[in-house]
Amino acid sequence: MDKLVCPCIYGSVSRYFQKDLKMIDTVVKEKKKEKVVKEKAVIDVSNRLCTGCGICVDVCPTEVLSLVNDNTRVTGVIAYVKNLDACTKCMLCEVQCPDFAIEVN
């Protein structure tokens, strides 16, 4: 660690600052070592509300959602979650869904 040099306070006070900086540096290094645990997203697509417009599929930057054939629908398709691990929880699908059929937790 570089030595603190300050013309106005050079002496016993600067030693205290050096101790504080060493402690802060140690804490920062320990935090970097800790693995960041990413909470897995939960995406709920309501089969009752989804009209299969495909807006959620178009706005998803990580291609988490896809459309699947569903003959019971007027549009013939419905949104479903195809790759949940890729979800970044950006919530674009939930915000852009005109039918409020998607909920991201």
C-alpha atoms as a PDB file:
ATOM      1  CA  MET A   1       0.000   0.000   0.000  1.00  0.00           C
ATOM      2  CA  ASP A   2       1.270   3.465  -0.851  1.00  0.00           C
ATOM      3  CA  LYS A   3       2.243   5.695   2.010  1.00  0.00           C
ATOM      4  CA  LEU A   4      -0.034   8.632   2.651  1.00  0.00           C
ATOM      5  CA  VAL A   5       1.786  11.922   2.311  1.00  0.00           C
ATOM      6  CA  CYS A   6       0.010  15.050   3.387  1.00  0.00           C
ATOM      7  CA  PRO A   7       1.994  18.194   4.229  1.00  0.00           C
ATOM      8  CA  CYS A   8      -0.591  19.424   6.749  1.00  0.00           C
ATOM      9  CA  ILE A   9      -0.943  16.224   8.779  1.00  0.00           C
ATOM     10  CA  TYR A  10       2.163  14.119   8.721  1.00  0.00           C
ATOM     11  CA  GLY A  11       2.798  12.246  11.902  1.00  0.00           C
ATOM     12  CA  SER A  12       0.709  10.207  14.294  1.00  0.00           C
ATOM     13  CA  VAL A  13      -2.587  11.168  12.620  1.00  0.00           C
ATOM     14  CA  SER A  14      -1.495   9.833   9.235  1.00  0.00           C
ATOM     15  CA  ARG A  15      -0.785   6.435  10.836  1.00  0.00           C
ATOM     16  CA  TYR A  16      -4.451   6.215  11.833  1.00  0.00           C
ATOM     17  CA  PHE A  17      -5.514   6.920   8.277  1.00  0.00           C
ATOM     18  CA  GLN A  18      -3.181   4.211   7.018  1.00  0.00           C
ATOM     19  CA  LYS A  19      -4.738   1.702   9.428  1.00  0.00           C
ATOM     20  CA  ASP A  20      -8.219   2.679   8.231  1.00  0.00           C
ATOM     21  CA  LEU A  21      -7.200   2.302   4.600  1.00  0.00           C
ATOM     22  CA  LYS A  22      -5.693  -1.120   5.281  1.00  0.00           C
ATOM     23  CA  MET A  23      -8.889  -2.215   7.009  1.00  0.00           C
ATOM     24  CA  ILE A  24     -11.045  -0.936   4.151  1.00  0.00           C
ATOM     25  CA  ASP A  25      -8.792  -2.646   1.607  1.00  0.00           C
ATOM     26  CA  THR A  26      -9.101  -5.932   3.514  1.00  0.00           C
ATOM     27  CA  VAL A  27     -12.898  -5.688   3.641  1.00  0.00           C
ATOM     28  CA  VAL A  28     -13.094  -4.930  -0.086  1.00  0.00           C
ATOM     29  CA  LYS A  29     -10.889  -7.917  -0.929  1.00  0.00           C
ATOM     30  CA  GLU A  30     -13.043 -10.209   1.237  1.00  0.00           C
ATOM     31  CA  LYS A  31     -16.236  -8.977  -0.428  1.00  0.00           C
ATOM     32  CA  LYS A  32     -14.759  -9.670  -3.865  1.00  0.00           C
ATOM     33  CA  LYS A  33     -14.004 -13.242  -2.805  1.00  0.00           C
ATOM     34  CA  GLU A  34     -17.604 -13.875  -1.766  1.00  0.00           C
ATOM     35  CA  LYS A  35     -19.672 -15.368  -4.526  1.00  0.00           C
ATOM     36  CA  VAL A  36     -22.663 -13.330  -5.498  1.00  0.00           C
ATOM     37  CA  VAL A  37     -25.701 -15.558  -5.322  1.00  0.00           C
ATOM     38  CA  LYS A  38     -28.138 -14.575  -8.020  1.00  0.00           C
ATOM     39  CA  GLU A  39     -31.727 -15.254  -7.130  1.00  0.00           C
ATOM     40  CA  LYS A  40     -33.459 -17.227  -9.795  1.00  0.00           C
ATOM     41  CA  ALA A  41     -36.302 -15.419 -11.463  1.00  0.00           C
ATOM     42  CA  VAL A  42     -39.847 -16.667 -11.326  1.00  0.00           C
ATOM     43  CA  ILE A  43     -41.907 -15.800 -14.393  1.00  0.00           C
ATOM     44  CA  ASP A  44     -45.626 -16.450 -14.290  1.00  0.00           C
ATOM     45  CA  VAL A  45     -47.466 -16.308 -17.613  1.00  0.00           C
ATOM     46  CA  SER A  46     -51.226 -16.364 -17.092  1.00  0.00           C
ATOM     47  CA  ASN A  47     -52.839 -18.738 -19.558  1.00  0.00           C
ATOM     48  CA  ARG A  48     -56.148 -17.010 -18.928  1.00  0.00           C
ATOM     49  CA  LEU A  49     -54.877 -13.510 -19.796  1.00  0.00           C
ATOM     50  CA  CYS A  50     -52.249 -14.187 -22.487  1.00  0.00           C
ATOM     51  CA  THR A  51     -53.504 -13.483 -26.005  1.00  0.00           C
ATOM     52  CA  GLY A  52     -50.325 -14.636 -27.750  1.00  0.00           C
ATOM     53  CA  CYS A  53     -49.485 -11.244 -29.237  1.00  0.00           C
ATOM     54  CA  GLY A  54     -45.743 -11.956 -28.967  1.00  0.00           C
ATOM     55  CA  ILE A  55     -44.700  -8.561 -27.623  1.00  0.00           C
ATOM     56  CA  CYS A  56     -43.010 -10.187 -24.624  1.00  0.00           C
ATOM     57  CA  VAL A  57     -40.969 -12.414 -26.933  1.00  0.00           C
ATOM     58  CA  ASP A  58     -39.893  -9.433 -29.030  1.00  0.00           C
ATOM     59  CA  VAL A  59     -38.785  -7.248 -26.089  1.00  0.00           C
ATOM     60  CA  CYS A  60     -36.913  -9.946 -24.141  1.00  0.00           C
ATOM     61  CA  PRO A  61     -33.170  -9.258 -24.560  1.00  0.00           C
ATOM     62  CA  THR A  62     -32.133 -12.783 -23.507  1.00  0.00           C
ATOM     63  CA  GLU A  63     -34.774 -14.803 -25.378  1.00  0.00           C
ATOM     64  CA  VAL A  64     -36.306 -16.272 -22.224  1.00  0.00           C
ATOM     65  CA  LEU A  65     -39.827 -16.335 -23.638  1.00  0.00           C
ATOM     66  CA  SER A  66     -41.158 -18.016 -26.725  1.00  0.00           C
ATOM     67  CA  LEU A  67     -44.499 -18.701 -28.367  1.00  0.00           C
ATOM     68  CA  VAL A  68     -45.945 -22.194 -28.524  1.00  0.00           C
ATOM     69  CA  ASN A  69     -48.895 -23.474 -30.534  1.00  0.00           C
ATOM     70  CA  ASP A  70     -52.198 -23.542 -28.654  1.00  0.00           C
ATOM     71  CA  ASN A  71     -55.245 -24.372 -30.748  1.00  0.00           C
ATOM     72  CA  THR A  72     -57.619 -23.218 -28.034  1.00  0.00           C
ATOM     73  CA  ARG A  73     -56.533 -19.598 -28.608  1.00  0.00           C
ATOM     74  CA  VAL A  74     -57.848 -17.189 -31.197  1.00  0.00           C
ATOM     75  CA  THR A  75     -54.264 -16.369 -32.230  1.00  0.00           C
ATOM     76  CA  GLY A  76     -53.239 -20.032 -32.116  1.00  0.00           C
ATOM     77  CA  VAL A  77     -50.229 -19.353 -29.871  1.00  0.00           C
ATOM     78  CA  ILE A  78     -49.433 -18.578 -26.247  1.00  0.00           C
ATOM     79  CA  ALA A  79     -46.292 -17.306 -24.504  1.00  0.00           C
ATOM     80  CA  TYR A  80     -44.241 -19.681 -22.376  1.00  0.00           C
ATOM     81  CA  VAL A  81     -40.925 -19.623 -20.551  1.00  0.00           C
ATOM     82  CA  LYS A  82     -38.328 -21.558 -22.547  1.00  0.00           C
ATOM     83  CA  ASN A  83     -35.047 -20.574 -20.821  1.00  0.00           C
ATOM     84  CA  LEU A  84     -35.568 -19.330 -17.256  1.00  0.00           C
ATOM     85  CA  ASP A  85     -31.845 -19.460 -16.397  1.00  0.00           C
ATOM     86  CA  ALA A  86     -31.143 -16.702 -18.918  1.00  0.00           C
ATOM     87  CA  CYS A  87     -33.572 -14.280 -17.239  1.00  0.00           C
ATOM     88  CA  THR A  88     -31.934 -11.112 -15.890  1.00  0.00           C
ATOM     89  CA  LYS A  89     -35.134  -9.826 -14.245  1.00  0.00           C
ATOM     90  CA  CYS A  90     -35.192  -6.741 -16.449  1.00  0.00           C
ATOM     91  CA  MET A  91     -39.008  -6.989 -16.354  1.00  0.00           C
ATOM     92  CA  LEU A  92     -39.431  -5.694 -19.893  1.00  0.00           C
ATOM     93  CA  CYS A  93     -41.846  -8.528 -20.649  1.00  0.00           C
ATOM     94  CA  GLU A  94     -44.040  -7.649 -17.668  1.00  0.00           C
ATOM     95  CA  VAL A  95     -44.013  -3.932 -18.383  1.00  0.00           C
ATOM     96  CA  GLN A  96     -44.696  -4.270 -22.115  1.00  0.00           C
ATOM     97  CA  CYS A  97     -47.419  -6.929 -21.907  1.00  0.00           C
ATOM     98  CA  PRO A  98     -50.662  -5.168 -22.932  1.00  0.00           C
ATOM     99  CA  ASP A  99     -52.793  -7.844 -21.251  1.00  0.00           C
ATOM    100  CA  PHE A 100     -50.962  -7.893 -17.883  1.00  0.00           C
ATOM    101  CA  ALA A 101     -50.464 -11.637 -18.363  1.00  0.00           C
ATOM    102  CA  ILE A 102     -46.831 -11.771 -17.159  1.00  0.00           C
ATOM    103  CA  GLU A 103     -45.495 -11.388 -13.644  1.00  0.00           C
ATOM    104  CA  VAL A 104     -41.771 -11.481 -12.866  1.00  0.00           C
ATOM    105  CA  ASN A 105     -40.583 -12.120  -9.304  1.00  0.00           C
END
